[in-house]
Structures are given as structure tokens and as C-alpha cells.
């Protein structure tokens, strides 16, 4: 008699695919709610937007905060891949800072992501964690190559993360700074890494190359 195991395996694969689609749909809905309302949205608002019940949301995520965190993390990673445009992160100080500078211009290149930034920068914990997380490895590579100061490395990463969060808030939330002004301020902030004023100005004057937006 034919074995029933392949049937069970196929059913398991279908269930996994079904769950993956549902999670992806909830993450997309989470991004849309972050852009429209912000992280202060209620679970009821989130569920209503996703056209599911709150119970369904909790089936896949322990809390709305966890869903929002994953939704933000996903769109952030997608944007980082676009911003590097095929260049390996940490390959050069100039390329890394070009990516940071592009965050100031995100309203022009990625208006949907810009809305999310606007609504989430009131509590910049995620951004700071992102810079200190994946960004730490990138800056460590450059410090190892002698492009940045290596002493008190963790403290410098933390200072840089808070500085970047403040500049992004000035551009996207309070609008106290234009993107070009934020770039000048970032050049000044490079002193955190021991970058000379002359080198900082040279880096900040580089023309940015924006990849096509799909």
C-alpha cells in the first residue's frame, strides 16, 4: 500500500505556506498603519485595517508592538539594500555615509517609508537599535581598517546613533532642518569618529547616486 507520509508532508507544507502568507499580509498591514496612524494605533485599528479579528493578529504576533517592530524592521532592511545599490556595507566610509545621507532625502525617494519615519521617530528607540545593531558591524569593519577611531568604540557607536536619530527627527518630524542642512550637521558629527573637518566636508560634498525605485 502507498505510504501516507507524503500526504502529511504536503499538508504540512501547505499549512506553512498559508501561515507565511498571513504573516506577510499582517506585516504589510502593519506598515500601512504605521504610515497612516503610527505606533500608537490600537490593536482594533490594526485588525480592522488588515480585515481580520484581533484574535487573528495575536495568533501570529504576541503583541501589536512586536508586529510593528517586525514591520518596521522589514521596510528598513529593504530600504538599506536599495540605498547601498549593490555595494557591500562597510566597503568604504564614503559609501556608508552616502547611505546615511540618503535617509535625509527619503521623502523624495520613498514617500511611504518617509511617513513611517515621521510617525515613529517620536520614539527613536528602533532607529537607535538598528544603528547600534547592524550598523555596529559596519562601523567595526571601517574602524579595523583605520578609517574611524577604534578606542571607546561602543560609546562612539551609541553617540553616533543618537546623533543620527536627532538629525532625522529635525528633518522628518520637526522640519527644523532641510536635508542639505542635515548633511552639513552630519559632517560636523563625524568628529565623533575622529574624522577631520576637511575630510568630512569632502565626503559630504560627494554627489549622491540614487538607484531606481521599484
Protein backbone atom coordinates (compact mmCIF):
# COMPACT_ATOMS: atom_id res chain seq x y z
CA UNK A 1 0.00 0.00 0.00
CA UNK A 2 1.27 3.53 -0.70
CA UNK A 3 2.64 5.42 2.27
CA UNK A 4 0.55 8.24 3.73
CA UNK A 5 3.59 10.21 4.88
CA UNK A 6 3.94 12.25 1.64
CA UNK A 7 0.31 13.34 2.05
CA UNK A 8 1.01 14.55 5.58
CA UNK A 9 4.14 16.31 4.41
CA UNK A 10 2.26 18.06 1.61
CA UNK A 11 -0.43 19.16 4.05
CA UNK A 12 2.25 20.50 6.36
CA UNK A 13 3.85 22.44 3.52
CA UNK A 14 0.50 23.96 2.58
CA UNK A 15 -0.12 24.99 6.17
CA UNK A 16 3.34 26.55 6.44
CA UNK A 17 2.79 28.46 3.19
CA UNK A 18 -0.63 29.60 4.43
CA UNK A 19 0.86 30.85 7.71
CA UNK A 20 3.69 32.62 5.88
CA UNK A 21 1.21 34.43 3.61
CA UNK A 22 -0.88 35.50 6.60
CA UNK A 23 2.17 36.82 8.46
CA UNK A 24 3.33 38.69 5.37
CA UNK A 25 -0.15 40.23 4.94
CA UNK A 26 -0.20 41.33 8.59
CA UNK A 27 3.28 42.85 8.30
CA UNK A 28 2.19 44.79 5.22
CA UNK A 29 -0.90 45.97 7.07
CA UNK A 30 1.31 46.94 10.00
CA UNK A 31 3.46 49.08 7.72
CA UNK A 32 0.38 50.80 6.31
CA UNK A 33 -0.95 51.53 9.79
CA UNK A 34 2.44 52.88 10.87
CA UNK A 35 2.37 55.21 7.87
CA UNK A 36 -1.23 56.35 8.44
CA UNK A 37 -1.54 56.42 12.23
CA UNK A 38 1.75 55.50 13.84
CA UNK A 39 2.75 53.07 16.61
CA UNK A 40 0.04 54.48 18.85
CA UNK A 41 -2.63 52.71 16.79
CA UNK A 42 -4.78 50.28 18.74
CA UNK A 43 -4.96 46.55 18.07
CA UNK A 44 -8.55 47.14 16.91
CA UNK A 45 -7.40 49.70 14.33
CA UNK A 46 -4.69 47.36 13.14
CA UNK A 47 -7.05 44.40 12.89
CA UNK A 48 -9.68 46.49 11.10
CA UNK A 49 -7.13 47.67 8.53
CA UNK A 50 -5.93 44.10 7.97
CA UNK A 51 -9.60 42.97 7.76
CA UNK A 52 -9.09 40.31 10.40
CA UNK A 53 -10.02 39.94 14.06
CA UNK A 54 -7.66 40.93 16.89
CA UNK A 55 -7.53 37.23 17.75
CA UNK A 56 -6.04 36.51 14.34
CA UNK A 57 -3.36 39.13 14.90
CA UNK A 58 -2.45 37.56 18.24
CA UNK A 59 -2.29 34.16 16.55
CA UNK A 60 0.80 35.30 14.66
CA UNK A 61 2.23 38.00 16.92
CA UNK A 62 2.33 38.12 20.73
CA UNK A 63 1.55 41.86 20.69
CA UNK A 64 0.91 44.73 18.32
CA UNK A 65 4.29 46.16 19.36
CA UNK A 66 6.01 43.02 18.12
CA UNK A 67 4.14 43.22 14.82
CA UNK A 68 5.01 46.90 14.39
CA UNK A 69 8.64 46.20 15.23
CA UNK A 70 8.86 43.49 12.60
CA UNK A 71 7.01 45.62 10.06
CA UNK A 72 9.42 48.50 10.63
CA UNK A 73 12.45 46.22 10.60
CA UNK A 74 11.42 44.73 7.26
CA UNK A 75 10.89 48.01 5.44
CA UNK A 76 14.08 49.38 6.99
CA UNK A 77 16.11 46.42 5.65
CA UNK A 78 14.55 46.76 2.21
CA UNK A 79 15.47 50.42 2.14
CA UNK A 80 19.06 49.73 3.24
CA UNK A 81 19.51 47.19 0.41
CA UNK A 82 18.20 49.79 -2.06
CA UNK A 83 20.39 52.56 -0.66
CA UNK A 84 23.63 50.59 -0.96
CA UNK A 85 22.72 49.74 -4.57
CA UNK A 86 24.86 46.61 -4.78
CA UNK A 87 27.78 47.97 -2.76
CA UNK A 88 28.86 45.81 0.16
CA UNK A 89 28.07 47.51 3.51
CA UNK A 90 31.27 48.65 5.16
CA UNK A 91 33.25 48.60 1.94
CA UNK A 92 34.15 52.25 2.38
CA UNK A 93 33.38 55.12 4.72
CA UNK A 94 32.08 57.19 1.81
CA UNK A 95 29.55 54.54 0.70
CA UNK A 96 28.32 54.02 4.26
CA UNK A 97 27.82 57.73 4.85
CA UNK A 98 26.13 58.11 1.47
CA UNK A 99 23.54 55.64 2.72
CA UNK A 100 23.05 57.61 5.93
CA UNK A 101 22.71 60.84 3.94
CA UNK A 102 20.01 59.28 1.76
CA UNK A 103 17.83 58.95 4.85
CA UNK A 104 17.50 62.74 4.82
CA UNK A 105 16.10 62.60 1.28
CA UNK A 106 13.75 59.66 1.80
CA UNK A 107 10.66 61.85 1.42
CA UNK A 108 11.67 62.43 -2.19
CA UNK A 109 12.65 58.82 -2.97
CA UNK A 110 10.42 56.71 -0.70
CA UNK A 111 7.42 58.80 0.47
CA UNK A 112 5.71 55.79 2.09
CA UNK A 113 8.80 54.99 4.17
CA UNK A 114 9.09 58.70 4.98
CA UNK A 115 5.61 58.65 6.53
CA UNK A 116 6.62 55.71 8.70
CA UNK A 117 9.77 57.52 9.80
CA UNK A 118 7.76 60.63 10.61
CA UNK A 119 5.33 58.65 12.77
CA UNK A 120 7.93 56.51 14.56
CA UNK A 121 10.74 58.98 15.24
CA UNK A 122 8.82 60.37 18.21
CA UNK A 123 10.25 57.34 19.97
CA UNK A 124 13.53 56.69 18.10
CA UNK A 125 14.32 53.51 20.03
CA UNK A 126 14.09 51.33 16.93
CA UNK A 127 16.34 53.52 14.82
CA UNK A 128 18.95 53.72 17.58
CA UNK A 129 18.79 49.93 17.98
CA UNK A 130 19.16 49.49 14.21
CA UNK A 131 22.26 51.68 14.05
CA UNK A 132 23.77 50.04 17.11
CA UNK A 133 22.82 46.59 15.79
CA UNK A 134 23.63 46.08 12.12
CA UNK A 135 25.44 49.39 11.99
CA UNK A 136 27.91 48.31 14.65
CA UNK A 137 29.32 45.59 12.42
CA UNK A 138 29.68 48.00 9.51
CA UNK A 139 31.47 50.64 11.59
CA UNK A 140 33.64 47.97 13.19
CA UNK A 141 34.94 46.98 9.75
CA UNK A 142 35.88 50.57 8.98
CA UNK A 143 37.49 51.04 12.39
CA UNK A 144 39.55 47.90 11.81
CA UNK A 145 40.72 49.41 8.51
CA UNK A 146 41.76 52.61 10.27
CA UNK A 147 39.08 54.81 8.67
CA UNK A 148 37.50 55.52 12.06
CA UNK A 149 38.80 55.74 15.60
CA UNK A 150 38.66 52.40 17.36
CA UNK A 151 39.10 53.42 21.00
CA UNK A 152 35.89 53.61 23.06
CA UNK A 153 34.17 52.05 20.07
CA UNK A 154 30.86 51.16 21.74
CA UNK A 155 30.50 54.65 23.18
CA UNK A 156 31.14 56.18 19.77
CA UNK A 157 28.52 53.94 18.15
CA UNK A 158 25.96 55.00 20.76
CA UNK A 159 26.76 58.69 20.30
CA UNK A 160 26.51 58.33 16.53
CA UNK A 161 23.16 56.52 16.78
CA UNK A 162 21.63 59.25 18.94
CA UNK A 163 23.06 61.95 16.70
CA UNK A 164 21.58 60.37 13.56
CA UNK A 165 18.21 59.93 15.26
CA UNK A 166 18.24 63.60 16.26
CA UNK A 167 19.09 64.77 12.75
CA UNK A 168 16.37 62.60 11.21
CA UNK A 169 13.87 63.98 13.72
CA UNK A 170 14.88 67.52 12.72
CA UNK A 171 14.29 66.69 9.05
CA UNK A 172 11.22 64.44 9.14
CA UNK A 173 9.34 65.42 12.30
CA UNK A 174 10.00 68.99 13.37
CA UNK A 175 11.24 70.01 9.90
CA UNK A 176 13.72 72.38 11.53
CA UNK A 177 16.34 71.28 9.01
CA UNK A 178 16.34 70.80 5.27
CA UNK A 179 18.05 67.62 4.04
CA UNK A 180 21.04 69.64 2.84
CA UNK A 181 21.40 71.28 6.26
CA UNK A 182 21.26 67.88 7.96
CA UNK A 183 24.10 66.70 5.73
CA UNK A 184 26.24 69.62 6.92
CA UNK A 185 25.39 68.75 10.52
CA UNK A 186 26.29 65.11 9.88
CA UNK A 187 29.68 66.25 8.62
CA UNK A 188 30.24 68.04 11.91
CA UNK A 189 29.11 64.95 13.84
CA UNK A 190 31.79 62.86 12.13
CA UNK A 191 34.20 64.27 14.71
CA UNK A 192 32.72 61.54 16.94
CA UNK A 193 34.73 59.10 14.84
CA UNK A 194 37.85 61.24 14.67
CA UNK A 195 37.23 62.26 11.04
CA UNK A 196 38.92 65.57 10.23
CA UNK A 197 36.83 68.59 9.27
CA UNK A 198 38.41 68.70 5.80
CA UNK A 199 37.69 65.01 5.13
CA UNK A 200 34.16 65.33 6.47
CA UNK A 201 33.41 68.24 4.15
CA UNK A 202 34.83 66.31 1.21
CA UNK A 203 32.64 63.29 1.96
CA UNK A 204 29.50 65.37 2.46
CA UNK A 205 30.07 67.18 -0.84
CA UNK A 206 30.03 63.93 -2.81
CA UNK A 207 27.08 63.76 -5.22
CA UNK A 208 24.61 61.10 -4.12
CA UNK A 209 23.71 58.39 -6.62
CA UNK A 210 20.14 57.15 -6.22
CA UNK A 211 19.19 53.75 -7.60
CA UNK A 212 15.89 53.44 -9.49
CA UNK A 213 12.95 52.96 -7.13
CA UNK A 214 10.83 49.95 -7.99
